[in-house]
Amino acid sequence: DLAAAMSKELGIKLNFNNATFDTLMGGLKSKRYDIAMSAMTDTKERQEGIDSNTGKKIGKGVDFIDYLNVGVSLYTRKGKTNGVDGWETLCGKKIAVQRGTVSHDLAKAPYGIAVPKGQDRLRDALKAAVERTIKNGSYAKVLDKWDVKDAAVKKVQLNGG
């Protein structure tokens, strides 16, 4: 929904490709993708092109256009919590997380649209499009539809994570 509103503001059609989360940064590096827009947390490591697992520099990094302030959620089957009522009660339990995410850090950071370093015109155009969706009310409608209005950013930032 937000991408559709941004597409309208940019006056161009955005083509989306589904991919596993852990392939997005490599896809940007190899130029398979122009941008990555997923539940991607803006982190200094990603901005600087540092592999968070090894601490090694693996690329130029990306710039983020921050569009949502979120945290990490914990879900259980309805009526079958098995005693899970918070992160500390997960010890010894089997859990599932999305590969390549910061869920294991329990980070509260903004989600951002990742744009390869050096793509300043694209980055700035996307930032302006997000700002316009906020100004024209489309952003609020999308967040309200998905019941996440408390996660709204007050100001669109670059690399705010």
C-alpha atoms as a PDB file:
ATOM      1  CA  ASP A   1       0.000   0.000   0.000  1.00  0.00           C
ATOM      2  CA  LEU A   2       2.770   2.448   0.911  1.00  0.00           C
ATOM      3  CA  ALA A   3       4.714   1.430  -2.189  1.00  0.00           C
ATOM      4  CA  ALA A   4       1.651   2.102  -4.336  1.00  0.00           C
ATOM      5  CA  ALA A   5       1.269   5.555  -2.796  1.00  0.00           C
ATOM      6  CA  MET A   6       4.977   6.246  -3.362  1.00  0.00           C
ATOM      7  CA  SER A   7       4.709   5.038  -6.942  1.00  0.00           C
ATOM      8  CA  LYS A   8       1.887   7.501  -7.512  1.00  0.00           C
ATOM      9  CA  GLU A   9       3.895  10.335  -5.959  1.00  0.00           C
ATOM     10  CA  LEU A  10       6.950   9.495  -8.069  1.00  0.00           C
ATOM     11  CA  GLY A  11       4.900   9.232 -11.234  1.00  0.00           C
ATOM     12  CA  ILE A  12       6.529   5.911 -12.120  1.00  0.00           C
ATOM     13  CA  LYS A  13       5.563   2.257 -11.891  1.00  0.00           C
ATOM     14  CA  LEU A  14       7.518   0.275  -9.318  1.00  0.00           C
ATOM     15  CA  ASN A  15       8.050  -3.386 -10.189  1.00  0.00           C
ATOM     16  CA  PHE A  16       8.350  -5.663  -7.180  1.00  0.00           C
ATOM     17  CA  ASN A  17      10.161  -8.982  -6.971  1.00  0.00           C
ATOM     18  CA  ASN A  18       9.640 -11.324  -4.056  1.00  0.00           C
ATOM     19  CA  ALA A  19      12.841 -12.618  -2.491  1.00  0.00           C
ATOM     20  CA  THR A  20      13.951 -14.141   0.777  1.00  0.00           C
ATOM     21  CA  PHE A  21      15.030 -11.490   3.233  1.00  0.00           C
ATOM     22  CA  ASP A  22      18.601 -12.730   3.530  1.00  0.00           C
ATOM     23  CA  THR A  23      19.191 -12.198  -0.218  1.00  0.00           C
ATOM     24  CA  LEU A  24      18.171  -8.533  -0.314  1.00  0.00           C
ATOM     25  CA  MET A  25      21.493  -6.907   0.578  1.00  0.00           C
ATOM     26  CA  GLY A  26      23.374  -9.126  -1.881  1.00  0.00           C
ATOM     27  CA  GLY A  27      20.768  -8.321  -4.529  1.00  0.00           C
ATOM     28  CA  LEU A  28      21.415  -4.619  -4.031  1.00  0.00           C
ATOM     29  CA  LYS A  29      25.183  -5.144  -4.168  1.00  0.00           C
ATOM     30  CA  SER A  30      24.939  -7.144  -7.412  1.00  0.00           C
ATOM     31  CA  LYS A  31      22.494  -4.574  -8.862  1.00  0.00           C
ATOM     32  CA  ARG A  32      19.782  -7.212  -9.209  1.00  0.00           C
ATOM     33  CA  TYR A  33      17.542  -4.817  -7.279  1.00  0.00           C
ATOM     34  CA  ASP A  34      17.486  -1.027  -7.350  1.00  0.00           C
ATOM     35  CA  ILE A  35      16.022  -0.774  -3.845  1.00  0.00           C
ATOM     36  CA  ALA A  36      14.984  -3.130  -1.059  1.00  0.00           C
ATOM     37  CA  MET A  37      11.730  -2.449   0.746  1.00  0.00           C
ATOM     38  CA  SER A  38      10.901  -5.039   3.335  1.00  0.00           C
ATOM     39  CA  ALA A  39      10.738  -5.098   7.093  1.00  0.00           C
ATOM     40  CA  MET A  40      14.399  -4.028   6.996  1.00  0.00           C
ATOM     41  CA  THR A  41      15.809  -2.356  10.080  1.00  0.00           C
ATOM     42  CA  ASP A  42      18.105   0.602   9.486  1.00  0.00           C
ATOM     43  CA  THR A  43      21.380  -0.337  11.214  1.00  0.00           C
ATOM     44  CA  LYS A  44      24.844   1.223  11.156  1.00  0.00           C
ATOM     45  CA  GLU A  45      26.272  -2.114   9.968  1.00  0.00           C
ATOM     46  CA  ARG A  46      24.016  -2.164   6.920  1.00  0.00           C
ATOM     47  CA  GLN A  47      24.706   1.523   6.240  1.00  0.00           C
ATOM     48  CA  GLU A  48      28.457   0.850   6.268  1.00  0.00           C
ATOM     49  CA  GLY A  49      28.390  -2.505   4.429  1.00  0.00           C
ATOM     50  CA  ILE A  50      29.485  -4.562   7.435  1.00  0.00           C
ATOM     51  CA  ASP A  51      28.376  -8.172   7.825  1.00  0.00           C
ATOM     52  CA  SER A  52      26.764  -8.256  11.285  1.00  0.00           C
ATOM     53  CA  ASN A  53      27.797 -11.900  11.779  1.00  0.00           C
ATOM     54  CA  THR A  54      31.486 -11.551  10.909  1.00  0.00           C
ATOM     55  CA  GLY A  55      32.110  -7.841  11.465  1.00  0.00           C
ATOM     56  CA  LYS A  56      33.849  -7.722   8.076  1.00  0.00           C
ATOM     57  CA  LYS A  57      33.292  -5.087   5.402  1.00  0.00           C
ATOM     58  CA  ILE A  58      31.492  -6.731   2.467  1.00  0.00           C
ATOM     59  CA  GLY A  59      30.413  -3.772   0.379  1.00  0.00           C
ATOM     60  CA  LYS A  60      29.769  -0.046   0.184  1.00  0.00           C
ATOM     61  CA  GLY A  61      26.631  -0.304   2.257  1.00  0.00           C
ATOM     62  CA  VAL A  62      23.276   1.350   1.719  1.00  0.00           C
ATOM     63  CA  ASP A  63      21.401   4.495   2.620  1.00  0.00           C
ATOM     64  CA  PHE A  64      18.030   4.120   4.318  1.00  0.00           C
ATOM     65  CA  ILE A  65      14.922   6.224   3.941  1.00  0.00           C
ATOM     66  CA  ASP A  66      13.298   5.580   7.317  1.00  0.00           C
ATOM     67  CA  TYR A  67       9.531   5.248   7.100  1.00  0.00           C
ATOM     68  CA  LEU A  68       8.303   3.294  10.147  1.00  0.00           C
ATOM     69  CA  ASN A  69       9.297   2.999  13.822  1.00  0.00           C
ATOM     70  CA  VAL A  70       8.818  -0.563  14.973  1.00  0.00           C
ATOM     71  CA  GLY A  71      10.101  -3.197  17.322  1.00  0.00           C
ATOM     72  CA  VAL A  72      10.071  -6.962  17.344  1.00  0.00           C
ATOM     73  CA  SER A  73       6.855  -8.863  18.032  1.00  0.00           C
ATOM     74  CA  LEU A  74       6.320 -12.249  19.609  1.00  0.00           C
ATOM     75  CA  TYR A  75       3.418 -14.476  18.548  1.00  0.00           C
ATOM     76  CA  THR A  76       2.091 -17.785  19.830  1.00  0.00           C
ATOM     77  CA  ARG A  77      -0.765 -19.981  18.696  1.00  0.00           C
ATOM     78  CA  LYS A  78      -4.084 -18.719  19.977  1.00  0.00           C
ATOM     79  CA  GLY A  79      -4.874 -20.415  23.257  1.00  0.00           C
ATOM     80  CA  LYS A  80      -1.598 -22.394  23.216  1.00  0.00           C
ATOM     81  CA  THR A  81       1.026 -20.087  24.693  1.00  0.00           C
ATOM     82  CA  ASN A  82       2.897 -22.942  26.428  1.00  0.00           C
ATOM     83  CA  GLY A  83       3.923 -20.497  29.140  1.00  0.00           C
ATOM     84  CA  VAL A  84       5.433 -17.979  26.723  1.00  0.00           C
ATOM     85  CA  ASP A  85       4.578 -14.481  27.856  1.00  0.00           C
ATOM     86  CA  GLY A  86       7.766 -12.596  26.993  1.00  0.00           C
ATOM     87  CA  TRP A  87      11.250 -12.943  25.551  1.00  0.00           C
ATOM     88  CA  GLU A  88      12.731 -14.335  28.746  1.00  0.00           C
ATOM     89  CA  THR A  89      10.315 -17.306  28.700  1.00  0.00           C
ATOM     90  CA  LEU A  90      11.570 -18.535  25.302  1.00  0.00           C
ATOM     91  CA  CYS A  91      14.528 -20.395  26.785  1.00  0.00           C
ATOM     92  CA  GLY A  92      14.357 -24.044  25.723  1.00  0.00           C
ATOM     93  CA  LYS A  93      11.524 -23.464  23.261  1.00  0.00           C
ATOM     94  CA  LYS A  94      11.606 -23.831  19.480  1.00  0.00           C
ATOM     95  CA  ILE A  95      11.098 -20.514  17.719  1.00  0.00           C
ATOM     96  CA  ALA A  96      11.100 -19.255  14.145  1.00  0.00           C
ATOM     97  CA  VAL A  97      12.617 -15.977  12.971  1.00  0.00           C
ATOM     98  CA  GLN A  98      13.208 -14.537   9.525  1.00  0.00           C
ATOM     99  CA  ARG A  99      16.758 -15.237   8.297  1.00  0.00           C
ATOM    100  CA  GLY A 100      19.073 -12.240   8.165  1.00  0.00           C
ATOM    101  CA  THR A 101      16.948 -10.040  10.427  1.00  0.00           C
ATOM    102  CA  VAL A 102      17.819  -8.334  13.689  1.00  0.00           C
ATOM    103  CA  SER A 103      15.143 -10.226  15.637  1.00  0.00           C
ATOM    104  CA  HIS A 104      17.803 -11.955  17.683  1.00  0.00           C
ATOM    105  CA  ASP A 105      18.957  -8.538  18.941  1.00  0.00           C
ATOM    106  CA  LEU A 106      15.420  -7.508  19.911  1.00  0.00           C
ATOM    107  CA  ALA A 107      16.270  -4.171  18.346  1.00  0.00           C
ATOM    108  CA  LYS A 108      13.855  -1.290  18.270  1.00  0.00           C
ATOM    109  CA  ALA A 109      14.912   0.650  15.211  1.00  0.00           C
ATOM    110  CA  PRO A 110      13.256   2.242  12.197  1.00  0.00           C
ATOM    111  CA  TYR A 111      12.409   0.285   9.084  1.00  0.00           C
ATOM    112  CA  GLY A 112      13.928   1.820   6.023  1.00  0.00           C
ATOM    113  CA  ILE A 113      13.966   1.522   2.263  1.00  0.00           C
ATOM    114  CA  ALA A 114      17.523   0.456   1.355  1.00  0.00           C
ATOM    115  CA  VAL A 115      19.182   2.196  -1.581  1.00  0.00           C
ATOM    116  CA  PRO A 116      22.777   1.382  -2.633  1.00  0.00           C
ATOM    117  CA  LYS A 117      25.352   4.040  -1.752  1.00  0.00           C
ATOM    118  CA  GLY A 118      25.982   6.363  -4.677  1.00  0.00           C
ATOM    119  CA  GLN A 119      22.377   6.285  -5.887  1.00  0.00           C
ATOM    120  CA  ASP A 120      21.684   9.732  -4.435  1.00  0.00           C
ATOM    121  CA  ARG A 121      19.084  10.831  -7.002  1.00  0.00           C
ATOM    122  CA  LEU A 122      17.035   7.656  -6.490  1.00  0.00           C
ATOM    123  CA  ARG A 123      17.411   7.924  -2.710  1.00  0.00           C
ATOM    124  CA  ASP A 124      16.320  11.564  -2.666  1.00  0.00           C
ATOM    125  CA  ALA A 125      13.359  10.898  -4.981  1.00  0.00           C
ATOM    126  CA  LEU A 126      12.133   8.054  -2.760  1.00  0.00           C
ATOM    127  CA  LYS A 127      12.563  10.185   0.363  1.00  0.00           C
ATOM    128  CA  ALA A 128      10.529  12.983  -1.250  1.00  0.00           C
ATOM    129  CA  ALA A 129       7.846  10.474  -2.251  1.00  0.00           C
ATOM    130  CA  VAL A 130       7.533   9.166   1.314  1.00  0.00           C
ATOM    131  CA  GLU A 131       7.364  12.750   2.596  1.00  0.00           C
ATOM    132  CA  ARG A 132       4.595  13.551   0.116  1.00  0.00           C
ATOM    133  CA  THR A 133       2.596  10.454   1.125  1.00  0.00           C
ATOM    134  CA  ILE A 134       2.760  11.707   4.710  1.00  0.00           C
ATOM    135  CA  LYS A 135       1.729  15.221   3.721  1.00  0.00           C
ATOM    136  CA  ASN A 136      -1.179  14.122   1.499  1.00  0.00           C
ATOM    137  CA  GLY A 137      -2.567  11.653   4.061  1.00  0.00           C
ATOM    138  CA  SER A 138      -1.880   8.413   2.135  1.00  0.00           C
ATOM    139  CA  TYR A 139       0.687   7.292   4.722  1.00  0.00           C
ATOM    140  CA  ALA A 140      -1.760   7.670   7.614  1.00  0.00           C
ATOM    141  CA  LYS A 141      -4.445   5.749   5.687  1.00  0.00           C
ATOM    142  CA  VAL A 142      -2.060   2.834   5.072  1.00  0.00           C
ATOM    143  CA  LEU A 143      -0.926   2.684   8.694  1.00  0.00           C
ATOM    144  CA  ASP A 144      -4.516   2.937   9.909  1.00  0.00           C
ATOM    145  CA  LYS A 145      -5.588   0.131   7.553  1.00  0.00           C
ATOM    146  CA  TRP A 146      -2.917  -2.160   9.029  1.00  0.00           C
ATOM    147  CA  ASP A 147      -3.510  -0.909  12.601  1.00  0.00           C
ATOM    148  CA  VAL A 148       0.085   0.293  13.041  1.00  0.00           C
ATOM    149  CA  LYS A 149      -0.471   4.041  13.292  1.00  0.00           C
ATOM    150  CA  ASP A 150       1.593   4.177  16.500  1.00  0.00           C
ATOM    151  CA  ALA A 151       4.627   3.200  14.396  1.00  0.00           C
ATOM    152  CA  ALA A 152       4.385   6.305  12.211  1.00  0.00           C
ATOM    153  CA  VAL A 153       7.531   8.352  11.772  1.00  0.00           C
ATOM    154  CA  LYS A 154       7.217  12.009  12.664  1.00  0.00           C
ATOM    155  CA  LYS A 155       9.893  12.966  10.134  1.00  0.00           C
ATOM    156  CA  VAL A 156      11.394  10.988   7.253  1.00  0.00           C
ATOM    157  CA  GLN A 157      15.124  10.631   7.926  1.00  0.00           C
ATOM    158  CA  LEU A 158      18.088   9.292   6.040  1.00  0.00           C
ATOM    159  CA  ASN A 159      20.083   6.695   7.971  1.00  0.00           C
ATOM    160  CA  GLY A 160      18.391   7.378  11.279  1.00  0.00           C
ATOM    161  CA  GLY A 161      19.056   3.898  12.673  1.00  0.00           C
END
